[in-house]
Amino acid sequence: MRRVDVGEMGRGRRLRLNKDENWIGGLCAGLGDYFGIDAAFVRVAAVVTALFLPKFMIAAYLIAWVVLSRRQ
C-alpha cells in the first residue's frame, strides 16, 4: 500500500482497476489505491453495502468495472 500526502491528492491520479491485487475485478483494490487506504477496508464496505442494497451494489460494481481502465 502506498501512502499519499494530502497535497498529492487529486494531482495526476486516476481511478483505475488494480489487477495486481484483485479478487474479482480489481475495483476495490483500485479504490483503495486511489484513496490511499487498504483494499480490505474497501472490500468490507462493499460487502456491507451489498447486504443492504444488493441490486444497487451489483449494478454500481459492474458499471465501474466496465468503465474504468486497467492500471498498466
Protein backbone atom coordinates (compact mmCIF):
# COMPACT_ATOMS: atom_id res chain seq x y z
CA MET A 1 0.00 0.00 0.00
CA ARG A 2 1.31 3.40 -0.96
CA ARG A 3 0.81 6.34 1.36
CA VAL A 4 -0.46 9.53 -0.27
CA ASP A 5 0.19 13.01 1.06
CA VAL A 6 -2.82 15.32 1.24
CA GLY A 7 -1.11 17.73 -1.15
CA GLU A 8 -0.73 14.95 -3.70
CA MET A 9 -4.39 14.00 -3.73
CA GLY A 10 -6.09 14.91 -6.98
CA ARG A 11 -2.91 15.68 -8.88
CA GLY A 12 -2.35 13.35 -11.80
CA ARG A 13 -4.06 10.45 -10.09
CA ARG A 14 -6.68 8.41 -11.86
CA LEU A 15 -9.09 5.84 -10.58
CA ARG A 16 -8.19 2.56 -12.26
CA LEU A 17 -8.70 -1.14 -11.78
CA ASN A 18 -5.83 -2.82 -9.97
CA LYS A 19 -5.22 -6.24 -11.50
CA ASP A 20 -2.19 -6.88 -9.25
CA GLU A 21 -4.21 -7.08 -6.02
CA ASN A 22 -7.63 -8.04 -7.36
CA TRP A 23 -10.08 -10.62 -6.06
CA ILE A 24 -12.80 -10.33 -8.67
CA GLY A 25 -12.33 -7.35 -10.94
CA GLY A 26 -9.79 -5.13 -9.21
CA LEU A 27 -12.28 -2.40 -8.41
CA CYS A 28 -11.93 -2.43 -4.61
CA ALA A 29 -8.13 -2.56 -4.86
CA GLY A 30 -8.21 0.35 -7.32
CA LEU A 31 -10.42 2.39 -4.98
CA GLY A 32 -8.05 1.60 -2.12
CA ASP A 33 -5.09 2.80 -4.18
CA TYR A 34 -6.90 5.96 -5.20
CA PHE A 35 -7.89 6.96 -1.66
CA GLY A 36 -4.67 5.69 -0.06
CA ILE A 37 -6.33 3.07 2.14
CA ASP A 38 -6.05 -0.69 2.36
CA ALA A 39 -8.21 -2.58 -0.12
CA ALA A 40 -9.56 -4.77 2.71
CA PHE A 41 -11.46 -1.77 4.13
CA VAL A 42 -12.99 -1.07 0.74
CA ARG A 43 -13.95 -4.73 0.35
CA VAL A 44 -15.63 -4.78 3.77
CA ALA A 45 -17.56 -1.61 2.89
CA ALA A 46 -18.62 -3.18 -0.42
CA VAL A 47 -19.89 -6.33 1.30
CA VAL A 48 -21.81 -4.35 3.92
CA THR A 49 -23.35 -2.19 1.19
CA ALA A 50 -24.24 -5.31 -0.81
CA LEU A 51 -26.04 -6.77 2.21
CA PHE A 52 -28.36 -3.76 2.48
CA LEU A 53 -28.55 -2.64 -1.17
CA PRO A 54 -27.71 -5.70 -3.29
CA LYS A 55 -29.18 -4.54 -6.62
CA PHE A 56 -27.52 -1.13 -6.36
CA MET A 57 -24.15 -2.62 -5.43
CA ILE A 58 -24.16 -5.16 -8.23
CA ALA A 59 -25.13 -2.51 -10.79
CA ALA A 60 -22.57 0.01 -9.50
CA TYR A 61 -19.79 -2.59 -9.42
CA LEU A 62 -20.50 -3.82 -12.95
CA ILE A 63 -20.73 -0.30 -14.39
CA ALA A 64 -17.49 0.78 -12.72
CA TRP A 65 -15.78 -2.44 -13.82
CA VAL A 66 -16.69 -1.79 -17.46
CA VAL A 67 -15.97 1.97 -17.44
CA LEU A 68 -12.67 2.12 -15.56
CA SER A 69 -9.42 1.39 -17.36
CA ARG A 70 -6.89 -1.12 -16.21
CA ARG A 71 -3.72 0.06 -14.48
CA GLN A 72 -0.61 -0.54 -16.55
